[in-house]
Amino acid sequence: MNKIMEFITQNPIDVGLMLIFLYPIIKGFLFKFSSKNLKNDIEDAGSYSAFIIGSIIGVYIKGNFR
């Protein structure tokens, strides 16, 4: 258990990337396919990507005006 916690605390970016890639695979095994759900997921992805891009731009702008 200590090795897992050590990995998580030392490599949070790697853990986040693993979760991002494993989530769709796990979701695919747990839920049946639905085109309506796929459409909703695609629409939600647009808002998530906008949030991530906005966060990166905000950090970049804040770093330039220090």
N, C-alpha and C. Protein backbone atom coordinates (compact mmCIF):
# COMPACT_ATOMS: atom_id res chain seq x y z
N MET A 1 0.83 -1.20 0.00
CA MET A 1 0.00 0.00 0.00
C MET A 1 0.87 1.25 0.00
N ASN A 2 2.00 1.21 0.69
CA ASN A 2 2.87 2.38 0.74
C ASN A 2 3.44 2.73 -0.63
N LYS A 3 3.73 1.70 -1.44
CA LYS A 3 4.28 1.97 -2.77
C LYS A 3 3.24 2.66 -3.66
N ILE A 4 1.98 2.28 -3.52
CA ILE A 4 0.93 2.92 -4.30
C ILE A 4 0.78 4.38 -3.90
N MET A 5 0.74 4.66 -2.62
CA MET A 5 0.62 6.03 -2.14
C MET A 5 1.84 6.86 -2.54
N GLU A 6 3.00 6.25 -2.49
CA GLU A 6 4.22 6.95 -2.88
C GLU A 6 4.18 7.32 -4.37
N PHE A 7 3.70 6.38 -5.20
CA PHE A 7 3.58 6.65 -6.64
C PHE A 7 2.59 7.78 -6.90
N ILE A 8 1.46 7.76 -6.18
CA ILE A 8 0.43 8.78 -6.38
C ILE A 8 0.94 10.16 -5.98
N THR A 9 1.65 10.25 -4.87
CA THR A 9 2.14 11.55 -4.41
C THR A 9 3.31 12.06 -5.24
N GLN A 10 4.11 11.16 -5.79
CA GLN A 10 5.26 11.59 -6.57
C GLN A 10 4.92 11.84 -8.04
N ASN A 11 3.87 11.20 -8.54
CA ASN A 11 3.52 11.30 -9.96
C ASN A 11 2.03 11.61 -10.16
N PRO A 12 1.55 12.74 -9.69
CA PRO A 12 0.11 13.00 -9.85
C PRO A 12 -0.32 13.19 -11.30
N ILE A 13 0.56 13.71 -12.14
CA ILE A 13 0.23 13.88 -13.56
C ILE A 13 0.05 12.52 -14.23
N ASP A 14 0.94 11.58 -13.93
CA ASP A 14 0.82 10.24 -14.50
C ASP A 14 -0.47 9.56 -14.06
N VAL A 15 -0.84 9.73 -12.81
CA VAL A 15 -2.08 9.14 -12.30
C VAL A 15 -3.27 9.76 -13.02
N GLY A 16 -3.26 11.06 -13.21
CA GLY A 16 -4.34 11.73 -13.93
C GLY A 16 -4.46 11.24 -15.36
N LEU A 17 -3.33 11.08 -16.05
CA LEU A 17 -3.36 10.59 -17.42
C LEU A 17 -3.89 9.15 -17.49
N MET A 18 -3.48 8.32 -16.52
CA MET A 18 -3.99 6.95 -16.50
C MET A 18 -5.51 6.93 -16.32
N LEU A 19 -6.01 7.77 -15.44
CA LEU A 19 -7.45 7.83 -15.21
C LEU A 19 -8.19 8.31 -16.45
N ILE A 20 -7.62 9.30 -17.13
CA ILE A 20 -8.26 9.84 -18.34
C ILE A 20 -8.37 8.76 -19.41
N PHE A 21 -7.33 7.93 -19.56
CA PHE A 21 -7.36 6.90 -20.59
C PHE A 21 -8.14 5.66 -20.17
N LEU A 22 -8.17 5.35 -18.89
CA LEU A 22 -8.87 4.15 -18.43
C LEU A 22 -10.37 4.36 -18.27
N TYR A 23 -10.81 5.59 -18.01
CA TYR A 23 -12.23 5.85 -17.77
C TYR A 23 -13.13 5.40 -18.92
N PRO A 24 -12.83 5.75 -20.20
CA PRO A 24 -13.71 5.30 -21.28
C PRO A 24 -13.74 3.78 -21.43
N ILE A 25 -12.61 3.13 -21.18
CA ILE A 25 -12.56 1.68 -21.31
C ILE A 25 -13.43 1.02 -20.24
N ILE A 26 -13.31 1.48 -19.01
CA ILE A 26 -14.11 0.93 -17.91
C ILE A 26 -15.59 1.24 -18.15
N LYS A 27 -15.89 2.45 -18.60
CA LYS A 27 -17.27 2.83 -18.86
C LYS A 27 -17.87 1.95 -19.96
N GLY A 28 -17.08 1.61 -20.96
CA GLY A 28 -17.55 0.75 -22.04
C GLY A 28 -17.91 -0.64 -21.57
N PHE A 29 -17.20 -1.15 -20.57
CA PHE A 29 -17.51 -2.47 -20.04
C PHE A 29 -18.75 -2.44 -19.14
N LEU A 30 -18.98 -1.33 -18.47
CA LEU A 30 -20.07 -1.27 -17.49
C LEU A 30 -21.43 -0.91 -18.08
N PHE A 31 -21.46 -0.08 -19.12
CA PHE A 31 -22.72 0.41 -19.66
C PHE A 31 -22.87 -0.01 -21.12
N LYS A 32 -24.10 -0.27 -21.54
CA LYS A 32 -24.33 -0.63 -22.93
C LYS A 32 -24.25 0.62 -23.81
N PHE A 33 -24.00 0.41 -25.09
CA PHE A 33 -23.85 1.51 -26.04
C PHE A 33 -25.21 2.14 -26.34
N SER A 34 -25.23 3.46 -26.37
CA SER A 34 -26.43 4.19 -26.74
C SER A 34 -26.00 5.42 -27.53
N SER A 35 -26.60 5.61 -28.69
CA SER A 35 -26.22 6.77 -29.52
C SER A 35 -26.61 8.08 -28.83
N LYS A 36 -27.69 8.05 -28.05
CA LYS A 36 -28.09 9.25 -27.31
C LYS A 36 -27.04 9.60 -26.26
N ASN A 37 -26.54 8.60 -25.54
CA ASN A 37 -25.48 8.84 -24.56
C ASN A 37 -24.20 9.31 -25.23
N LEU A 38 -23.89 8.75 -26.40
CA LEU A 38 -22.70 9.17 -27.13
C LEU A 38 -22.81 10.63 -27.53
N LYS A 39 -23.98 11.05 -28.00
CA LYS A 39 -24.19 12.45 -28.37
C LYS A 39 -23.99 13.36 -27.16
N ASN A 40 -24.53 12.97 -26.01
CA ASN A 40 -24.37 13.76 -24.79
C ASN A 40 -22.91 13.82 -24.37
N ASP A 41 -22.19 12.70 -24.49
CA ASP A 41 -20.78 12.68 -24.12
C ASP A 41 -19.96 13.59 -25.02
N ILE A 42 -20.27 13.61 -26.31
CA ILE A 42 -19.55 14.48 -27.24
C ILE A 42 -19.82 15.95 -26.92
N GLU A 43 -21.06 16.27 -26.60
CA GLU A 43 -21.39 17.66 -26.24
C GLU A 43 -20.70 18.06 -24.93
N ASP A 44 -20.63 17.14 -23.98
CA ASP A 44 -19.96 17.43 -22.71
C ASP A 44 -18.46 17.60 -22.90
N ALA A 45 -17.88 16.86 -23.82
CA ALA A 45 -16.44 16.96 -24.07
C ALA A 45 -16.06 18.37 -24.52
N GLY A 46 -16.94 19.02 -25.26
CA GLY A 46 -16.67 20.40 -25.69
C GLY A 46 -16.55 21.34 -24.51
N SER A 47 -17.41 21.17 -23.52
CA SER A 47 -17.34 22.05 -22.35
C SER A 47 -16.12 21.72 -21.50
N TYR A 48 -15.77 20.43 -21.42
CA TYR A 48 -14.59 20.06 -20.64
C TYR A 48 -13.32 20.60 -21.29
N SER A 49 -13.24 20.47 -22.61
CA SER A 49 -12.04 20.97 -23.29
C SER A 49 -11.96 22.48 -23.19
N ALA A 50 -13.10 23.17 -23.24
CA ALA A 50 -13.09 24.62 -23.08
C ALA A 50 -12.59 25.01 -21.69
N PHE A 51 -12.99 24.25 -20.67
CA PHE A 51 -12.53 24.52 -19.31
C PHE A 51 -11.02 24.31 -19.19
N ILE A 52 -10.52 23.23 -19.76
CA ILE A 52 -9.08 22.94 -19.69
C ILE A 52 -8.28 23.99 -20.43
N ILE A 53 -8.71 24.35 -21.63
CA ILE A 53 -8.00 25.37 -22.41
C ILE A 53 -8.05 26.71 -21.69
N GLY A 54 -9.20 27.05 -21.13
CA GLY A 54 -9.32 28.29 -20.38
C GLY A 54 -8.42 28.32 -19.16
N SER A 55 -8.31 27.19 -18.48
CA SER A 55 -7.43 27.11 -17.31
C SER A 55 -5.97 27.30 -17.70
N ILE A 56 -5.56 26.66 -18.79
CA ILE A 56 -4.17 26.79 -19.25
C ILE A 56 -3.87 28.22 -19.66
N ILE A 57 -4.78 28.84 -20.39
CA ILE A 57 -4.58 30.23 -20.81
C ILE A 57 -4.54 31.15 -19.59
N GLY A 58 -5.41 30.90 -18.62
CA GLY A 58 -5.42 31.72 -17.40
C GLY A 58 -4.11 31.63 -16.63
N VAL A 59 -3.56 30.42 -16.53
CA VAL A 59 -2.27 30.25 -15.84
C VAL A 59 -1.17 30.94 -16.62
N TYR A 60 -1.19 30.83 -17.94
CA TYR A 60 -0.18 31.45 -18.78
C TYR A 60 -0.23 32.97 -18.65
N ILE A 61 -1.43 33.54 -18.70
CA ILE A 61 -1.57 35.00 -18.59
C ILE A 61 -1.14 35.48 -17.21
N LYS A 62 -1.54 34.76 -16.18
CA LYS A 62 -1.16 35.15 -14.82
C LYS A 62 0.35 35.10 -14.65
N GLY A 63 1.00 34.09 -15.26
CA GLY A 63 2.45 33.98 -15.17
C GLY A 63 3.18 35.10 -15.88
N ASN A 64 2.60 35.64 -16.93
CA ASN A 64 3.25 36.71 -17.68
C ASN A 64 3.10 38.08 -17.00
N PHE A 65 2.11 38.25 -16.13
CA PHE A 65 1.88 39.55 -15.51
C PHE A 65 2.33 39.61 -14.06
N ARG A 66 3.20 38.74 -13.67
CA ARG A 66 3.73 38.79 -12.31
C ARG A 66 4.76 39.83 -12.14
